[in-house]
Amino acid sequence: MAAVFLVTLYEYSPLFYITVVFVCFLVTSGLVLSWFGLGVPVILRNSEETESSTRVLKKQMRQVKNPFGLEISHPATASVTKGITLTPDCLEDCILTCYWGCSVQKLHEALQKHIYCFRIKTPQALEDALYSEYLYRQQYFIKKNDKEEKYCQLPEDAQVADFGPVPRSRYPLIALLTLADEEDREIYDIISMVAVIHIPDESYRLSCRILYQYLLLAQGQYHDLKQLFMSANNTAPPSSDASRGERSTDRSLLEKAGLAEDEAEFHEENSKDCVVCQNGTVNWVLLPCRHTCLCDGCIKYFQQCPMCRQFVQESFPLCSKKEQDEDESTQI
């Protein structure tokens, strides 16, 4: 009966076409509203809706103590033929082991072995993983809080003037810092630090610098240590060569990000001020660009970094609200 009724309606009445068009209109309207009704562009929403619906994910951080510190002294004078001067700064007694001409492939295989096979917590463990794929090794014992400079140089009989064109199969220098006392390895989460150092030679004259730093954990992970880009320099008056060196380092970081201003304006900036409100204390690190430029009040309003306009995927605070209050009470 229903079929006969539909056939009759189709043949003798225009209501069939009206009904079909009306149903299609309802279905289309429902699809359009479901697609766009819940995703209205942010510019059409009020500030309360924007704050609640577009908040950037906050990354959960775990605080650990790094017992290792390493700097390059006099990087302008460093070269493959003249050697390099390193300044370690460690919280415990450590061993500094330098590997010249270490194989790139073997080093990264060793880092993977730290995860899956055995822990690299001694120089011997790294040597076993490298299979002697390096040209020369030097080792120094570093006392606790000792900042004495250590000079590293290839022997003359090695007759190495460069490590070939880029891309290279060997790193110029690998510096490994390990805890000397076995009891200390049970205390710290970070048991070793591997620093990949570039040293200029005849083929590649890029200035001496630390390319990568890997922190090796006792649980079998390793993390790539990265720099944070601060919004500006400190306003403290220049009182020493060290402070001038720190200012030049900060300025170079800003120049790499394309954010450096004129020298006069640069000294007037304050690294403690949020780049947006110019009032709050900078506390939030934006990922993946790693710009540290927003305070606790402004972080919730931004989906893009105000410095480089890159979309923010995650963010984390340098210190919690409790730590900030403790610092303020200590200063008072």
Foldseek 3Di string as FASTA:
>chain_A
DVVVVVVCCVPPHCVVVVVVVVVVVVVVVVVVCVVDVVPPPPVPDDPVVLLVPVFFAADDDDDFDDQKDKDWPPLVPFAQAVFTKMWIFGQAKKKKKKFFFQFPVLQVQLLLCLQVPHNPQDPVSSCVSRVPRTQDMDMDIDHHRDGDIDTDHDDPVSVDQDQDAPPGRTQRMKIKMAHPDPVVLVVGQFGMKIWGWHHAGPHRRDTTDTPWMWTAGPNRHIDTDDDAQFLADALDDDDDPVNVVVRVVNQVSCVVLVRHDDPVVRNVDHSQAAPPPRPHGFWKAFPDVRYGHHHPVCSSNDQADPSRRHGGNYMYTPDDPVVVVVVVVVVD
